[in-house]
C-alpha atoms as a PDB file:
ATOM      1  CA  UNK A   1     -40.538 -11.669  56.065  1.00  0.00           C
ATOM      2  CA  UNK A   2     -43.215 -13.452  54.029  1.00  0.00           C
ATOM      3  CA  UNK A   3     -45.327 -13.904  57.153  1.00  0.00           C
ATOM      4  CA  UNK A   4     -44.981 -10.207  57.973  1.00  0.00           C
ATOM      5  CA  UNK A   5     -46.068  -9.188  54.465  1.00  0.00           C
ATOM      6  CA  UNK A   6     -49.083 -11.477  54.686  1.00  0.00           C
ATOM      7  CA  UNK A   7     -50.050  -9.973  58.040  1.00  0.00           C
ATOM      8  CA  UNK A   8     -49.793  -6.444  56.642  1.00  0.00           C
ATOM      9  CA  UNK A   9     -51.967  -7.430  53.669  1.00  0.00           C
ATOM     10  CA  UNK A  10     -54.616  -8.945  55.943  1.00  0.00           C
ATOM     11  CA  UNK A  11     -54.659  -5.890  58.192  1.00  0.00           C
ATOM     12  CA  UNK A  12     -55.024  -3.657  55.147  1.00  0.00           C
ATOM     13  CA  UNK A  13     -57.974  -5.653  53.853  1.00  0.00           C
ATOM     14  CA  UNK A  14     -59.621  -5.605  57.270  1.00  0.00           C
ATOM     15  CA  UNK A  15     -59.147  -1.844  57.460  1.00  0.00           C
ATOM     16  CA  UNK A  16     -60.742  -1.368  54.051  1.00  0.00           C
ATOM     17  CA  UNK A  17     -63.635  -3.583  55.099  1.00  0.00           C
ATOM     18  CA  UNK A  18     -64.219  -1.570  58.275  1.00  0.00           C
ATOM     19  CA  UNK A  19     -64.169   1.741  56.416  1.00  0.00           C
ATOM     20  CA  UNK A  20     -66.539   0.388  53.774  1.00  0.00           C
ATOM     21  CA  UNK A  21     -68.811  -0.939  56.495  1.00  0.00           C
ATOM     22  CA  UNK A  22     -68.955   2.477  58.148  1.00  0.00           C
ATOM     23  CA  UNK A  23     -70.013   4.004  54.825  1.00  0.00           C
ATOM     24  CA  UNK A  24     -72.480   1.274  53.943  1.00  0.00           C
ATOM     25  CA  UNK A  25     -75.586   3.198  54.942  1.00  0.00           C
ATOM     26  CA  UNK A  26     -78.731   2.363  52.994  1.00  0.00           C
ATOM     27  CA  UNK A  27     -77.888   1.432  49.415  1.00  0.00           C
ATOM     28  CA  UNK A  28     -74.573   3.262  48.979  1.00  0.00           C
ATOM     29  CA  UNK A  29     -72.816   1.833  45.933  1.00  0.00           C
ATOM     30  CA  UNK A  30     -70.717   4.555  44.276  1.00  0.00           C
ATOM     31  CA  UNK A  31     -67.317   5.964  45.158  1.00  0.00           C
ATOM     32  CA  UNK A  32     -67.253   9.094  47.350  1.00  0.00           C
ATOM     33  CA  UNK A  33     -67.885  12.415  45.619  1.00  0.00           C
ATOM     34  CA  UNK A  34     -65.059  14.762  46.591  1.00  0.00           C
ATOM     35  CA  UNK A  35     -66.368  18.239  47.361  1.00  0.00           C
ATOM     36  CA  UNK A  36     -64.725  21.587  46.557  1.00  0.00           C
ATOM     37  CA  UNK A  37     -62.586  22.732  49.507  1.00  0.00           C
ATOM     38  CA  UNK A  38     -64.378  25.025  51.959  1.00  0.00           C
ATOM     39  CA  UNK A  39     -63.692  28.738  52.031  1.00  0.00           C
ATOM     40  CA  UNK A  40     -62.170  29.993  55.270  1.00  0.00           C
ATOM     41  CA  UNK A  41     -62.719  33.670  54.540  1.00  0.00           C
ATOM     42  CA  UNK A  42     -65.975  35.356  53.552  1.00  0.00           C
ATOM     43  CA  UNK A  43     -67.158  38.606  52.066  1.00  0.00           C
ATOM     44  CA  UNK A  44     -69.108  39.656  55.176  1.00  0.00           C
ATOM     45  CA  UNK A  45     -68.405  39.649  58.913  1.00  0.00           C
ATOM     46  CA  UNK A  46     -70.010  37.271  61.375  1.00  0.00           C
ATOM     47  CA  UNK A  47     -71.868  40.270  62.812  1.00  0.00           C
ATOM     48  CA  UNK A  48     -73.339  41.014  59.381  1.00  0.00           C
ATOM     49  CA  UNK A  49     -74.365  37.356  59.049  1.00  0.00           C
ATOM     50  CA  UNK A  50     -76.203  37.653  62.379  1.00  0.00           C
ATOM     51  CA  UNK A  51     -78.075  40.666  61.044  1.00  0.00           C
ATOM     52  CA  UNK A  52     -78.978  39.021  57.743  1.00  0.00           C
ATOM     53  CA  UNK A  53     -80.006  35.626  59.128  1.00  0.00           C
ATOM     54  CA  UNK A  54     -83.647  34.806  58.391  1.00  0.00           C
ATOM     55  CA  UNK A  55     -85.877  31.756  57.982  1.00  0.00           C
ATOM     56  CA  UNK A  56     -86.863  31.581  54.315  1.00  0.00           C
ATOM     57  CA  UNK A  57     -89.430  29.164  52.910  1.00  0.00           C
ATOM     58  CA  UNK A  58     -89.415  30.628  49.393  1.00  0.00           C
ATOM     59  CA  UNK A  59     -86.553  30.100  46.961  1.00  0.00           C
ATOM     60  CA  UNK A  60     -85.428  31.798  43.803  1.00  0.00           C
ATOM     61  CA  UNK A  61     -85.017  29.979  40.469  1.00  0.00           C
ATOM     62  CA  UNK A  62     -81.898  28.048  39.552  1.00  0.00           C
ATOM     63  CA  UNK A  63     -79.944  25.095  40.812  1.00  0.00           C
ATOM     64  CA  UNK A  64     -77.311  25.172  43.530  1.00  0.00           C
ATOM     65  CA  UNK A  65     -73.603  25.027  42.755  1.00  0.00           C
ATOM     66  CA  UNK A  66     -71.474  22.256  44.217  1.00  0.00           C
ATOM     67  CA  UNK A  67     -69.331  24.884  45.925  1.00  0.00           C
ATOM     68  CA  UNK A  68     -72.406  26.246  47.724  1.00  0.00           C
ATOM     69  CA  UNK A  69     -73.469  22.804  48.893  1.00  0.00           C
ATOM     70  CA  UNK A  70     -69.931  21.949  50.001  1.00  0.00           C
ATOM     71  CA  UNK A  71     -69.680  25.141  52.029  1.00  0.00           C
ATOM     72  CA  UNK A  72     -72.972  24.566  53.818  1.00  0.00           C
ATOM     73  CA  UNK A  73     -72.105  20.953  54.643  1.00  0.00           C
ATOM     74  CA  UNK A  74     -68.743  22.071  56.019  1.00  0.00           C
ATOM     75  CA  UNK A  75     -70.472  24.734  58.111  1.00  0.00           C
ATOM     76  CA  UNK A  76     -72.746  22.080  59.598  1.00  0.00           C
ATOM     77  CA  UNK A  77     -70.135  19.450  60.520  1.00  0.00           C
ATOM     78  CA  UNK A  78     -66.845  20.176  58.795  1.00  0.00           C
ATOM     79  CA  UNK A  79     -63.415  19.406  60.263  1.00  0.00           C
ATOM     80  CA  UNK A  80     -61.537  22.497  61.461  1.00  0.00           C
ATOM     81  CA  UNK A  81     -58.456  21.027  63.153  1.00  0.00           C
ATOM     82  CA  UNK A  82     -56.057  18.124  62.754  1.00  0.00           C
ATOM     83  CA  UNK A  83     -57.386  16.698  66.028  1.00  0.00           C
ATOM     84  CA  UNK A  84     -60.823  16.251  64.435  1.00  0.00           C
ATOM     85  CA  UNK A  85     -62.594  19.220  65.988  1.00  0.00           C
ATOM     86  CA  UNK A  86     -65.573  20.418  63.973  1.00  0.00           C
ATOM     87  CA  UNK A  87     -67.370  23.634  63.160  1.00  0.00           C
ATOM     88  CA  UNK A  88     -70.103  22.886  65.724  1.00  0.00           C
ATOM     89  CA  UNK A  89     -69.336  22.162  69.392  1.00  0.00           C
ATOM     90  CA  UNK A  90     -70.052  18.661  70.665  1.00  0.00           C
ATOM     91  CA  UNK A  91     -70.371  17.400  74.248  1.00  0.00           C
ATOM     92  CA  UNK A  92     -67.185  15.523  75.012  1.00  0.00           C
ATOM     93  CA  UNK A  93     -66.283  15.586  71.298  1.00  0.00           C
ATOM     94  CA  UNK A  94     -68.579  12.581  70.815  1.00  0.00           C
ATOM     95  CA  UNK A  95     -69.930  13.954  67.494  1.00  0.00           C
ATOM     96  CA  UNK A  96     -73.294  12.169  67.364  1.00  0.00           C
ATOM     97  CA  UNK A  97     -74.608  14.086  64.343  1.00  0.00           C
ATOM     98  CA  UNK A  98     -74.744  12.772  60.784  1.00  0.00           C
ATOM     99  CA  UNK A  99     -75.709  15.040  57.890  1.00  0.00           C
ATOM    100  CA  UNK A 100     -77.449  13.845  54.742  1.00  0.00           C
ATOM    101  CA  UNK A 101     -78.040  15.759  51.532  1.00  0.00           C
ATOM    102  CA  UNK A 102     -81.212  15.178  49.526  1.00  0.00           C
ATOM    103  CA  UNK A 103     -80.088  16.530  46.152  1.00  0.00           C
ATOM    104  CA  UNK A 104     -82.523  17.395  43.395  1.00  0.00           C
ATOM    105  CA  UNK A 105     -81.067  20.352  41.524  1.00  0.00           C
ATOM    106  CA  UNK A 106     -77.371  20.580  42.328  1.00  0.00           C
ATOM    107  CA  UNK A 107     -74.972  21.246  39.450  1.00  0.00           C
ATOM    108  CA  UNK A 108     -72.654  18.315  38.661  1.00  0.00           C
ATOM    109  CA  UNK A 109     -74.372  16.074  41.220  1.00  0.00           C
ATOM    110  CA  UNK A 110     -76.880  13.378  40.288  1.00  0.00           C
ATOM    111  CA  UNK A 111     -80.198  13.489  42.113  1.00  0.00           C
ATOM    112  CA  UNK A 112     -80.137  11.284  45.179  1.00  0.00           C
ATOM    113  CA  UNK A 113     -79.550  11.060  48.905  1.00  0.00           C
ATOM    114  CA  UNK A 114     -75.959  11.417  50.075  1.00  0.00           C
ATOM    115  CA  UNK A 115     -74.247  11.110  53.438  1.00  0.00           C
ATOM    116  CA  UNK A 116     -71.634  13.731  54.282  1.00  0.00           C
ATOM    117  CA  UNK A 117     -68.245  12.379  55.355  1.00  0.00           C
ATOM    118  CA  UNK A 118     -66.561  15.179  57.367  1.00  0.00           C
ATOM    119  CA  UNK A 119     -63.145  13.515  57.548  1.00  0.00           C
ATOM    120  CA  UNK A 120     -62.838  13.436  53.762  1.00  0.00           C
ATOM    121  CA  UNK A 121     -65.122  16.405  53.011  1.00  0.00           C
ATOM    122  CA  UNK A 122     -66.971  14.207  50.561  1.00  0.00           C
ATOM    123  CA  UNK A 123     -70.363  12.642  49.865  1.00  0.00           C
ATOM    124  CA  UNK A 124     -71.284   8.976  49.626  1.00  0.00           C
ATOM    125  CA  UNK A 125     -74.408   7.906  47.760  1.00  0.00           C
ATOM    126  CA  UNK A 126     -77.173   6.359  49.871  1.00  0.00           C
ATOM    127  CA  UNK A 127     -80.199   6.375  47.563  1.00  0.00           C
ATOM    128  CA  UNK A 128     -80.490   7.186  43.864  1.00  0.00           C
ATOM    129  CA  UNK A 129     -83.181   9.443  42.426  1.00  0.00           C
ATOM    130  CA  UNK A 130     -84.955  12.668  43.350  1.00  0.00           C
ATOM    131  CA  UNK A 131     -86.664  12.007  46.686  1.00  0.00           C
ATOM    132  CA  UNK A 132     -87.624  15.574  47.588  1.00  0.00           C
ATOM    133  CA  UNK A 133     -91.323  14.886  47.027  1.00  0.00           C
ATOM    134  CA  UNK A 134     -91.245  11.898  49.369  1.00  0.00           C
ATOM    135  CA  UNK A 135     -89.314  13.811  52.030  1.00  0.00           C
ATOM    136  CA  UNK A 136     -91.845  16.643  51.735  1.00  0.00           C
ATOM    137  CA  UNK A 137     -94.669  14.131  52.181  1.00  0.00           C
ATOM    138  CA  UNK A 138     -92.978  12.829  55.346  1.00  0.00           C
ATOM    139  CA  UNK A 139     -92.831  16.452  56.544  1.00  0.00           C
ATOM    140  CA  UNK A 140     -96.600  16.918  56.268  1.00  0.00           C
ATOM    141  CA  UNK A 141     -96.376  18.096  52.641  1.00  0.00           C
ATOM    142  CA  UNK A 142     -94.450  21.287  53.369  1.00  0.00           C
ATOM    143  CA  UNK A 143     -93.909  23.064  50.053  1.00  0.00           C
ATOM    144  CA  UNK A 144     -90.525  24.538  51.026  1.00  0.00           C
ATOM    145  CA  UNK A 145     -89.009  21.047  51.036  1.00  0.00           C
ATOM    146  CA  UNK A 146     -90.555  20.048  47.738  1.00  0.00           C
ATOM    147  CA  UNK A 147     -89.442  23.236  45.963  1.00  0.00           C
ATOM    148  CA  UNK A 148     -85.915  23.550  47.361  1.00  0.00           C
ATOM    149  CA  UNK A 149     -83.058  22.427  45.088  1.00  0.00           C
ATOM    150  CA  UNK A 150     -81.652  20.429  48.013  1.00  0.00           C
ATOM    151  CA  UNK A 151     -82.467  19.528  51.601  1.00  0.00           C
ATOM    152  CA  UNK A 152     -80.121  18.894  54.511  1.00  0.00           C
ATOM    153  CA  UNK A 153     -81.261  16.205  56.921  1.00  0.00           C
ATOM    154  CA  UNK A 154     -79.514  16.292  60.292  1.00  0.00           C
ATOM    155  CA  UNK A 155     -79.682  13.052  62.267  1.00  0.00           C
ATOM    156  CA  UNK A 156     -78.371  12.030  65.659  1.00  0.00           C
ATOM    157  CA  UNK A 157     -76.922   8.791  66.979  1.00  0.00           C
ATOM    158  CA  UNK A 158     -77.647   9.091  70.702  1.00  0.00           C
ATOM    159  CA  UNK A 159     -75.519   6.070  71.643  1.00  0.00           C
ATOM    160  CA  UNK A 160     -72.309   7.891  70.714  1.00  0.00           C
ATOM    161  CA  UNK A 161     -72.930  10.478  73.415  1.00  0.00           C
ATOM    162  CA  UNK A 162     -74.677   8.125  75.853  1.00  0.00           C
ATOM    163  CA  UNK A 163     -71.521   6.016  76.158  1.00  0.00           C
ATOM    164  CA  UNK A 164     -69.949   8.972  77.939  1.00  0.00           C
ATOM    165  CA  UNK A 165     -72.869  10.871  79.461  1.00  0.00           C
ATOM    166  CA  UNK A 166     -75.615   8.314  80.003  1.00  0.00           C
ATOM    167  CA  UNK A 167     -79.126   9.736  80.243  1.00  0.00           C
ATOM    168  CA  UNK A 168     -77.888  13.289  79.675  1.00  0.00           C
ATOM    169  CA  UNK A 169     -77.055  12.341  76.089  1.00  0.00           C
ATOM    170  CA  UNK A 170     -80.583  13.048  74.851  1.00  0.00           C
ATOM    171  CA  UNK A 171     -80.323  16.664  75.989  1.00  0.00           C
ATOM    172  CA  UNK A 172     -76.777  17.126  74.711  1.00  0.00           C
ATOM    173  CA  UNK A 173     -77.543  15.770  71.226  1.00  0.00           C
ATOM    174  CA  UNK A 174     -80.568  18.022  70.852  1.00  0.00           C
ATOM    175  CA  UNK A 175     -78.499  21.015  71.931  1.00  0.00           C
ATOM    176  CA  UNK A 176     -75.886  20.048  69.360  1.00  0.00           C
ATOM    177  CA  UNK A 177     -78.334  19.990  66.465  1.00  0.00           C
ATOM    178  CA  UNK A 178     -79.131  23.606  67.350  1.00  0.00           C
ATOM    179  CA  UNK A 179     -75.444  24.503  67.051  1.00  0.00           C
ATOM    180  CA  UNK A 180     -75.190  22.857  63.634  1.00  0.00           C
ATOM    181  CA  UNK A 181     -78.424  24.429  62.394  1.00  0.00           C
ATOM    182  CA  UNK A 182     -77.315  27.918  63.397  1.00  0.00           C
ATOM    183  CA  UNK A 183     -74.039  27.369  61.558  1.00  0.00           C
ATOM    184  CA  UNK A 184     -76.037  26.516  58.432  1.00  0.00           C
ATOM    185  CA  UNK A 185     -78.203  29.616  58.881  1.00  0.00           C
ATOM    186  CA  UNK A 186     -75.194  31.915  59.193  1.00  0.00           C
ATOM    187  CA  UNK A 187     -73.362  30.300  56.283  1.00  0.00           C
ATOM    188  CA  UNK A 188     -76.440  30.710  54.109  1.00  0.00           C
ATOM    189  CA  UNK A 189     -76.694  34.360  55.127  1.00  0.00           C
ATOM    190  CA  UNK A 190     -73.064  34.862  54.128  1.00  0.00           C
ATOM    191  CA  UNK A 191     -73.489  33.067  50.795  1.00  0.00           C
ATOM    192  CA  UNK A 192     -76.794  34.655  49.662  1.00  0.00           C
ATOM    193  CA  UNK A 193     -78.649  31.389  50.164  1.00  0.00           C
ATOM    194  CA  UNK A 194     -82.002  30.696  51.794  1.00  0.00           C
ATOM    195  CA  UNK A 195     -82.895  28.074  54.391  1.00  0.00           C
ATOM    196  CA  UNK A 196     -85.266  27.305  57.255  1.00  0.00           C
ATOM    197  CA  UNK A 197     -85.139  24.758  60.060  1.00  0.00           C
ATOM    198  CA  UNK A 198     -88.054  22.322  59.819  1.00  0.00           C
ATOM    199  CA  UNK A 199     -88.831  20.210  62.863  1.00  0.00           C
ATOM    200  CA  UNK A 200     -92.326  19.028  61.938  1.00  0.00           C
ATOM    201  CA  UNK A 201     -92.101  15.621  60.255  1.00  0.00           C
ATOM    202  CA  UNK A 202     -92.805  11.947  60.855  1.00  0.00           C
ATOM    203  CA  UNK A 203     -89.535  10.493  62.111  1.00  0.00           C
ATOM    204  CA  UNK A 204     -90.217   6.959  60.916  1.00  0.00           C
ATOM    205  CA  UNK A 205     -91.233   8.105  57.445  1.00  0.00           C
ATOM    206  CA  UNK A 206     -88.075  10.180  57.024  1.00  0.00           C
ATOM    207  CA  UNK A 207     -85.972   7.213  58.128  1.00  0.00           C
ATOM    208  CA  UNK A 208     -87.740   4.947  55.650  1.00  0.00           C
ATOM    209  CA  UNK A 209     -87.456   7.360  52.718  1.00  0.00           C
ATOM    210  CA  UNK A 210     -83.743   7.936  53.284  1.00  0.00           C
ATOM    211  CA  UNK A 211     -82.981   4.313  54.129  1.00  0.00           C
ATOM    212  CA  UNK A 212     -81.496   5.272  57.493  1.00  0.00           C
ATOM    213  CA  UNK A 213     -80.392   2.731  60.088  1.00  0.00           C
ATOM    214  CA  UNK A 214     -82.692   2.574  63.114  1.00  0.00           C
ATOM    215  CA  UNK A 215     -80.163   4.371  65.343  1.00  0.00           C
ATOM    216  CA  UNK A 216     -79.978   7.436  63.049  1.00  0.00           C
ATOM    217  CA  UNK A 217     -82.752   9.596  64.527  1.00  0.00           C
ATOM    218  CA  UNK A 218     -83.813  12.465  62.225  1.00  0.00           C
ATOM    219  CA  UNK A 219     -83.645  15.735  64.173  1.00  0.00           C
ATOM    220  CA  UNK A 220     -84.161  18.466  61.573  1.00  0.00           C
ATOM    221  CA  UNK A 221     -84.645  19.258  57.891  1.00  0.00           C
ATOM    222  CA  UNK A 222     -83.129  22.333  56.274  1.00  0.00           C
ATOM    223  CA  UNK A 223     -84.186  23.026  52.666  1.00  0.00           C
ATOM    224  CA  UNK A 224     -81.586  24.990  50.693  1.00  0.00           C
ATOM    225  CA  UNK A 225     -82.010  27.328  47.754  1.00  0.00           C
ATOM    226  CA  UNK A 226     -81.211  30.724  46.341  1.00  0.00           C
ATOM    227  CA  UNK A 227     -82.580  33.914  47.857  1.00  0.00           C
ATOM    228  CA  UNK A 228     -85.810  34.796  46.128  1.00  0.00           C
END
């Protein structure tokens, strides 16, 4: 019995270590920030969201609410089924995308870079401080990134998909970022928020600013703010 209890304790500690290791991206040090639960019903139809969807580079005054940020993150990569299926389709359910939040003016959230954890619908701190200016510099000084209260950074880990699809993985991952980005666009349209997909940036600089591992390839930036 004593041996069994010791084995269970060891397995538990190993499990905690593995989970912590998976979260240990960059300089993450704080406990996860639990996000408000996502809404599953909206005030407009999906057809109306199609009609309203626009690319906006200008933002109105005011910070973002945590509920708004939580909803957009869920739209990008949230869990929608007990089996782990997500809001965006993924080739072979390999889920190569990782979403980061560069927060500057988000109510009840300290400025910093956070990684979204879909399974827990939470955020884990990666870097402390307001890094919007540095991210904007890495994106050729685009003002929409500097002025937005927050910026989503969508990255891809090609190896996750390559293990199943080989050389086709590059194409599949880039298709998938389009799915996630459109989800963000439509969610913003439904929530009276503004966004735009930015693909012009220096990959290496974005990785350095965010403290990303070398296998997390930045694929797109989406500044978030209120409709002007």
